[in-house]
Every structure is written in structure tokens, then in C-alpha cells.
Amino acid sequence: MKRSFAATVWREGDWFVSQCLEIDVASQGETEEEALANLQEALELYFEPPQATRPPKVRMVEVEIGAA
């Protein structure tokens, strides 16, 4: 499935910065095109499902409820 996202690109010193307006993801590159291509890759990685390298540990957390 493909989806389009709006992005802004601006120059900061020697670099171009690209930022997705809908999702808090940004990237950079030496050209506007490179910054946008890097943003596209960053967004694709953002939406990849997480893959655990080892099984998660189940832990207990104790909290105080109704403390005055």
C-alpha cells in the first residue's frame, strides 16, 4: 500500500533538511533530492513492523493507586 505525505525542505548551512508534516520524521542530504530520498527511506523504516531480536521479558511493575 502506498500513501503520500507532505514534506518541507529547507537549507541549514551546507545541508538540506526534509521533514514530514504529518509524522514527526525528518532527514537530511547534500541536495534537496537527496534529503527527500532520505526522508522517504526514513518513513519506510518508521512504518516497518518491529522485529524483536530476542523474545521480550515480562516484568511486573508496582504502582501506588489512590495515594493522597
PDB file of N, CA and C in Angstrom:
ATOM      1  N   MET A   1       0.838  -1.170   0.000  1.00  0.00           N
ATOM      2  CA  MET A   1       0.000   0.000   0.000  1.00  0.00           C
ATOM      3  C   MET A   1       0.892   1.245   0.000  1.00  0.00           C
ATOM      4  N   LYS A   2       0.539   2.204  -0.806  1.00  0.00           N
ATOM      5  CA  LYS A   2       1.295   3.453  -0.865  1.00  0.00           C
ATOM      6  C   LYS A   2       0.450   4.582  -0.312  1.00  0.00           C
ATOM      7  N   ARG A   3       1.098   5.536   0.322  1.00  0.00           N
ATOM      8  CA  ARG A   3       0.431   6.718   0.844  1.00  0.00           C
ATOM      9  C   ARG A   3       1.351   7.915   0.639  1.00  0.00           C
ATOM     10  N   SER A   4       0.783   9.042   0.329  1.00  0.00           N
ATOM     11  CA  SER A   4       1.563  10.270   0.132  1.00  0.00           C
ATOM     12  C   SER A   4       1.574  11.088   1.412  1.00  0.00           C
ATOM     13  N   PHE A   5       2.700  11.732   1.664  1.00  0.00           N
ATOM     14  CA  PHE A   5       2.863  12.609   2.812  1.00  0.00           C
ATOM     15  C   PHE A   5       3.416  13.945   2.339  1.00  0.00           C
ATOM     16  N   ALA A   6       2.985  15.020   2.975  1.00  0.00           N
ATOM     17  CA  ALA A   6       3.522  16.350   2.686  1.00  0.00           C
ATOM     18  C   ALA A   6       4.844  16.517   3.425  1.00  0.00           C
ATOM     19  N   ALA A   7       5.788  17.176   2.768  1.00  0.00           N
ATOM     20  CA  ALA A   7       7.094  17.392   3.383  1.00  0.00           C
ATOM     21  C   ALA A   7       7.577  18.804   3.075  1.00  0.00           C
ATOM     22  N   THR A   8       8.351  19.344   3.984  1.00  0.00           N
ATOM     23  CA  THR A   8       9.016  20.620   3.750  1.00  0.00           C
ATOM     24  C   THR A   8      10.508  20.357   3.616  1.00  0.00           C
ATOM     25  N   VAL A   9      11.169  21.198   2.852  1.00  0.00           N
ATOM     26  CA  VAL A   9      12.620  21.100   2.680  1.00  0.00           C
ATOM     27  C   VAL A   9      13.194  22.502   2.838  1.00  0.00           C
ATOM     28  N   TRP A  10      14.245  22.618   3.633  1.00  0.00           N
ATOM     29  CA  TRP A  10      14.914  23.901   3.792  1.00  0.00           C
ATOM     30  C   TRP A  10      16.403  23.668   3.961  1.00  0.00           C
ATOM     31  N   ARG A  11      17.145  24.736   3.785  1.00  0.00           N
ATOM     32  CA  ARG A  11      18.602  24.646   3.869  1.00  0.00           C
ATOM     33  C   ARG A  11      19.069  25.086   5.251  1.00  0.00           C
ATOM     34  N   GLU A  12      19.963  24.291   5.831  1.00  0.00           N
ATOM     35  CA  GLU A  12      20.635  24.636   7.080  1.00  0.00           C
ATOM     36  C   GLU A  12      22.127  24.494   6.857  1.00  0.00           C
ATOM     37  N   GLY A  13      22.795  25.585   6.672  1.00  0.00           N
ATOM     38  CA  GLY A  13      24.224  25.548   6.390  1.00  0.00           C
ATOM     39  C   GLY A  13      24.496  24.838   5.074  1.00  0.00           C
ATOM     40  N   ASP A  14      25.306  23.789   5.105  1.00  0.00           N
ATOM     41  CA  ASP A  14      25.648  23.032   3.893  1.00  0.00           C
ATOM     42  C   ASP A  14      24.643  21.929   3.591  1.00  0.00           C
ATOM     43  N   TRP A  15      23.656  21.718   4.432  1.00  0.00           N
ATOM     44  CA  TRP A  15      22.731  20.596   4.303  1.00  0.00           C
ATOM     45  C   TRP A  15      21.319  21.056   3.988  1.00  0.00           C
ATOM     46  N   PHE A  16      20.571  20.175   3.329  1.00  0.00           N
ATOM     47  CA  PHE A  16      19.144  20.366   3.149  1.00  0.00           C
ATOM     48  C   PHE A  16      18.440  19.438   4.138  1.00  0.00           C
ATOM     49  N   VAL A  17      17.454  19.972   4.829  1.00  0.00           N
ATOM     50  CA  VAL A  17      16.690  19.195   5.811  1.00  0.00           C
ATOM     51  C   VAL A  17      15.290  18.991   5.250  1.00  0.00           C
ATOM     52  N   SER A  18      14.781  17.782   5.342  1.00  0.00           N
ATOM     53  CA  SER A  18      13.412  17.487   4.920  1.00  0.00           C
ATOM     54  C   SER A  18      12.660  16.950   6.128  1.00  0.00           C
ATOM     55  N   GLN A  19      11.407  17.378   6.257  1.00  0.00           N
ATOM     56  CA  GLN A  19      10.593  16.964   7.398  1.00  0.00           C
ATOM     57  C   GLN A  19       9.190  16.643   6.933  1.00  0.00           C
ATOM     58  N   CYS A  20       8.670  15.522   7.396  1.00  0.00           N
ATOM     59  CA  CYS A  20       7.295  15.129   7.115  1.00  0.00           C
ATOM     60  C   CYS A  20       6.377  15.974   7.988  1.00  0.00           C
ATOM     61  N   LEU A  21       5.318  16.517   7.407  1.00  0.00           N
ATOM     62  CA  LEU A  21       4.420  17.388   8.160  1.00  0.00           C
ATOM     63  C   LEU A  21       3.395  16.615   8.981  1.00  0.00           C
ATOM     64  N   GLU A  22       3.049  15.407   8.576  1.00  0.00           N
ATOM     65  CA  GLU A  22       2.046  14.627   9.304  1.00  0.00           C
ATOM     66  C   GLU A  22       2.627  13.770  10.418  1.00  0.00           C
ATOM     67  N   ILE A  23       3.879  13.365  10.279  1.00  0.00           N
ATOM     68  CA  ILE A  23       4.528  12.455  11.226  1.00  0.00           C
ATOM     69  C   ILE A  23       5.860  13.079  11.622  1.00  0.00           C
ATOM     70  N   ASP A  24       6.248  12.919  12.854  1.00  0.00           N
ATOM     71  CA  ASP A  24       7.483  13.533  13.347  1.00  0.00           C
ATOM     72  C   ASP A  24       8.700  12.735  12.884  1.00  0.00           C
ATOM     73  N   VAL A  25       9.000  12.855  11.585  1.00  0.00           N
ATOM     74  CA  VAL A  25      10.160  12.188  10.984  1.00  0.00           C
ATOM     75  C   VAL A  25      10.861  13.209  10.112  1.00  0.00           C
ATOM     76  N   ALA A  26      12.182  13.255  10.195  1.00  0.00           N
ATOM     77  CA  ALA A  26      12.968  14.192   9.396  1.00  0.00           C
ATOM     78  C   ALA A  26      14.244  13.513   8.929  1.00  0.00           C
ATOM     79  N   SER A  27      14.879  14.109   7.912  1.00  0.00           N
ATOM     80  CA  SER A  27      16.143  13.599   7.406  1.00  0.00           C
ATOM     81  C   SER A  27      16.897  14.754   6.769  1.00  0.00           C
ATOM     82  N   GLN A  28      18.052  14.454   6.206  1.00  0.00           N
ATOM     83  CA  GLN A  28      18.852  15.499   5.564  1.00  0.00           C
ATOM     84  C   GLN A  28      19.635  14.924   4.406  1.00  0.00           C
ATOM     85  N   GLY A  29      20.189  15.808   3.599  1.00  0.00           N
ATOM     86  CA  GLY A  29      21.016  15.394   2.475  1.00  0.00           C
ATOM     87  C   GLY A  29      21.784  16.586   1.932  1.00  0.00           C
ATOM     88  N   GLU A  30      22.705  16.314   1.036  1.00  0.00           N
ATOM     89  CA  GLU A  30      23.510  17.391   0.456  1.00  0.00           C
ATOM     90  C   GLU A  30      22.746  18.168  -0.607  1.00  0.00           C
ATOM     91  N   THR A  31      21.665  17.583  -1.148  1.00  0.00           N
ATOM     92  CA  THR A  31      20.799  18.257  -2.112  1.00  0.00           C
ATOM     93  C   THR A  31      19.348  18.084  -1.650  1.00  0.00           C
ATOM     94  N   GLU A  32      18.450  18.875  -2.238  1.00  0.00           N
ATOM     95  CA  GLU A  32      17.033  18.723  -1.909  1.00  0.00           C
ATOM     96  C   GLU A  32      16.553  17.318  -2.264  1.00  0.00           C
ATOM     97  N   GLU A  33      16.981  16.824  -3.427  1.00  0.00           N
ATOM     98  CA  GLU A  33      16.563  15.494  -3.875  1.00  0.00           C
ATOM     99  C   GLU A  33      17.051  14.414  -2.918  1.00  0.00           C
ATOM    100  N   GLU A  34      18.288  14.536  -2.475  1.00  0.00           N
ATOM    101  CA  GLU A  34      18.844  13.551  -1.540  1.00  0.00           C
ATOM    102  C   GLU A  34      18.119  13.624  -0.193  1.00  0.00           C
ATOM    103  N   ALA A  35      17.812  14.826   0.262  1.00  0.00           N
ATOM    104  CA  ALA A  35      17.094  14.981   1.530  1.00  0.00           C
ATOM    105  C   ALA A  35      15.718  14.330   1.441  1.00  0.00           C
ATOM    106  N   LEU A  36      15.023  14.517   0.318  1.00  0.00           N
ATOM    107  CA  LEU A  36      13.705  13.898   0.152  1.00  0.00           C
ATOM    108  C   LEU A  36      13.806  12.379   0.021  1.00  0.00           C
ATOM    109  N   ALA A  37      14.817  11.887  -0.685  1.00  0.00           N
ATOM    110  CA  ALA A  37      15.008  10.439  -0.812  1.00  0.00           C
ATOM    111  C   ALA A  37      15.316   9.831   0.555  1.00  0.00           C
ATOM    112  N   ASN A  38      16.131  10.520   1.356  1.00  0.00           N
ATOM    113  CA  ASN A  38      16.441  10.029   2.700  1.00  0.00           C
ATOM    114  C   ASN A  38      15.207  10.079   3.599  1.00  0.00           C
ATOM    115  N   LEU A  39      14.359  11.093   3.418  1.00  0.00           N
ATOM    116  CA  LEU A  39      13.114  11.160   4.176  1.00  0.00           C
ATOM    117  C   LEU A  39      12.196  10.009   3.793  1.00  0.00           C
ATOM    118  N   GLN A  40      12.130   9.704   2.509  1.00  0.00           N
ATOM    119  CA  GLN A  40      11.303   8.580   2.055  1.00  0.00           C
ATOM    120  C   GLN A  40      11.776   7.282   2.718  1.00  0.00           C
ATOM    121  N   GLU A  41      13.082   7.053   2.745  1.00  0.00           N
ATOM    122  CA  GLU A  41      13.616   5.852   3.385  1.00  0.00           C
ATOM    123  C   GLU A  41      13.317   5.844   4.885  1.00  0.00           C
ATOM    124  N   ALA A  42      13.445   7.008   5.531  1.00  0.00           N
ATOM    125  CA  ALA A  42      13.166   7.092   6.964  1.00  0.00           C
ATOM    126  C   ALA A  42      11.693   6.783   7.251  1.00  0.00           C
ATOM    127  N   LEU A  43      10.791   7.258   6.392  1.00  0.00           N
ATOM    128  CA  LEU A  43       9.370   6.975   6.580  1.00  0.00           C
ATOM    129  C   LEU A  43       9.068   5.496   6.369  1.00  0.00           C
ATOM    130  N   GLU A  44       9.710   4.887   5.370  1.00  0.00           N
ATOM    131  CA  GLU A  44       9.505   3.453   5.148  1.00  0.00           C
ATOM    132  C   GLU A  44       9.970   2.653   6.352  1.00  0.00           C
ATOM    133  N   LEU A  45      11.094   3.028   6.943  1.00  0.00           N
ATOM    134  CA  LEU A  45      11.588   2.349   8.143  1.00  0.00           C
ATOM    135  C   LEU A  45      10.663   2.597   9.328  1.00  0.00           C
ATOM    136  N   TYR A  46      10.109   3.798   9.417  1.00  0.00           N
ATOM    137  CA  TYR A  46       9.191   4.142  10.506  1.00  0.00           C
ATOM    138  C   TYR A  46       7.973   3.227  10.504  1.00  0.00           C
ATOM    139  N   PHE A  47       7.482   2.886   9.307  1.00  0.00           N
ATOM    140  CA  PHE A  47       6.277   2.084   9.203  1.00  0.00           C
ATOM    141  C   PHE A  47       6.538   0.584   9.147  1.00  0.00           C
ATOM    142  N   GLU A  48       7.795   0.155   9.141  1.00  0.00           N
ATOM    143  CA  GLU A  48       8.094  -1.279   9.198  1.00  0.00           C
ATOM    144  C   GLU A  48       7.682  -1.817  10.561  1.00  0.00           C
ATOM    145  N   PRO A  49       7.057  -2.989  10.579  1.00  0.00           N
ATOM    146  CA  PRO A  49       6.700  -3.551  11.889  1.00  0.00           C
ATOM    147  C   PRO A  49       7.966  -3.899  12.669  1.00  0.00           C
ATOM    148  N   PRO A  50       7.945  -3.691  13.979  1.00  0.00           N
ATOM    149  CA  PRO A  50       9.131  -4.016  14.778  1.00  0.00           C
ATOM    150  C   PRO A  50       9.415  -5.511  14.769  1.00  0.00           C
ATOM    151  N   GLN A  51      10.678  -5.849  14.761  1.00  0.00           N
ATOM    152  CA  GLN A  51      11.084  -7.248  14.796  1.00  0.00           C
ATOM    153  C   GLN A  51      12.048  -7.426  15.959  1.00  0.00           C
ATOM    154  N   ALA A  52      11.595  -8.159  16.952  1.00  0.00           N
ATOM    155  CA  ALA A  52      12.417  -8.375  18.141  1.00  0.00           C
ATOM    156  C   ALA A  52      13.592  -9.285  17.800  1.00  0.00           C
ATOM    157  N   THR A  53      14.747  -8.939  18.324  1.00  0.00           N
ATOM    158  CA  THR A  53      15.929  -9.778  18.119  1.00  0.00           C
ATOM    159  C   THR A  53      15.971 -10.917  19.127  1.00  0.00           C
ATOM    160  N   ARG A  54      15.249 -10.750  20.226  1.00  0.00           N
ATOM    161  CA  ARG A  54      15.081 -11.823  21.201  1.00  0.00           C
ATOM    162  C   ARG A  54      13.715 -11.648  21.855  1.00  0.00           C
ATOM    163  N   PRO A  55      13.161 -12.697  22.418  1.00  0.00           N
ATOM    164  CA  PRO A  55      11.821 -12.595  22.998  1.00  0.00           C
ATOM    165  C   PRO A  55      11.775 -11.549  24.113  1.00  0.00           C
ATOM    166  N   PRO A  56      10.685 -10.784  24.185  1.00  0.00           N
ATOM    167  CA  PRO A  56      10.585  -9.780  25.250  1.00  0.00           C
ATOM    168  C   PRO A  56      10.407 -10.440  26.610  1.00  0.00           C
ATOM    169  N   LYS A  57      10.897  -9.783  27.642  1.00  0.00           N
ATOM    170  CA  LYS A  57      10.737 -10.271  29.009  1.00  0.00           C
ATOM    171  C   LYS A  57       9.481  -9.644  29.601  1.00  0.00           C
ATOM    172  N   VAL A  58       8.704 -10.450  30.300  1.00  0.00           N
ATOM    173  CA  VAL A  58       7.537  -9.940  31.000  1.00  0.00           C
ATOM    174  C   VAL A  58       7.983  -9.562  32.402  1.00  0.00           C
ATOM    175  N   ARG A  59       7.682  -8.327  32.796  1.00  0.00           N
ATOM    176  CA  ARG A  59       8.094  -7.847  34.112  1.00  0.00           C
ATOM    177  C   ARG A  59       6.889  -7.272  34.834  1.00  0.00           C
ATOM    178  N   MET A  60       6.967  -7.256  36.132  1.00  0.00           N
ATOM    179  CA  MET A  60       5.909  -6.687  36.960  1.00  0.00           C
ATOM    180  C   MET A  60       6.326  -5.282  37.373  1.00  0.00           C
ATOM    181  N   VAL A  61       5.355  -4.388  37.379  1.00  0.00           N
ATOM    182  CA  VAL A  61       5.578  -3.018  37.808  1.00  0.00           C
ATOM    183  C   VAL A  61       4.579  -2.708  38.910  1.00  0.00           C
ATOM    184  N   GLU A  62       5.049  -2.222  40.046  1.00  0.00           N
ATOM    185  CA  GLU A  62       4.170  -1.908  41.168  1.00  0.00           C
ATOM    186  C   GLU A  62       3.968  -0.407  41.243  1.00  0.00           C
ATOM    187  N   VAL A  63       2.697   0.016  41.295  1.00  0.00           N
ATOM    188  CA  VAL A  63       2.380   1.436  41.415  1.00  0.00           C
ATOM    189  C   VAL A  63       1.404   1.634  42.548  1.00  0.00           C
ATOM    190  N   GLU A  64       1.451   2.801  43.173  1.00  0.00           N
ATOM    191  CA  GLU A  64       0.514   3.124  44.240  1.00  0.00           C
ATOM    192  C   GLU A  64      -0.688   3.813  43.611  1.00  0.00           C
ATOM    193  N   ILE A  65      -1.872   3.322  43.949  1.00  0.00           N
ATOM    194  CA  ILE A  65      -3.096   3.855  43.370  1.00  0.00           C
ATOM    195  C   ILE A  65      -3.912   4.517  44.465  1.00  0.00           C
ATOM    196  N   GLY A  66      -4.451   5.681  44.182  1.00  0.00           N
ATOM    197  CA  GLY A  66      -5.297   6.384  45.135  1.00  0.00           C
ATOM    198  C   GLY A  66      -4.521   7.016  46.277  1.00  0.00           C
ATOM    199  N   ALA A  67      -3.271   7.340  46.063  1.00  0.00           N
ATOM    200  CA  ALA A  67      -2.475   7.983  47.105  1.00  0.00           C
ATOM    201  C   ALA A  67      -2.950   9.416  47.277  1.00  0.00           C
ATOM    202  N   ALA A  68      -3.016   9.858  48.524  1.00  0.00           N
ATOM    203  CA  ALA A  68      -3.484  11.212  48.814  1.00  0.00           C
ATOM    204  C   ALA A  68      -2.339  12.171  48.903  1.00  0.00           C
TER     205      ALA A  68
END
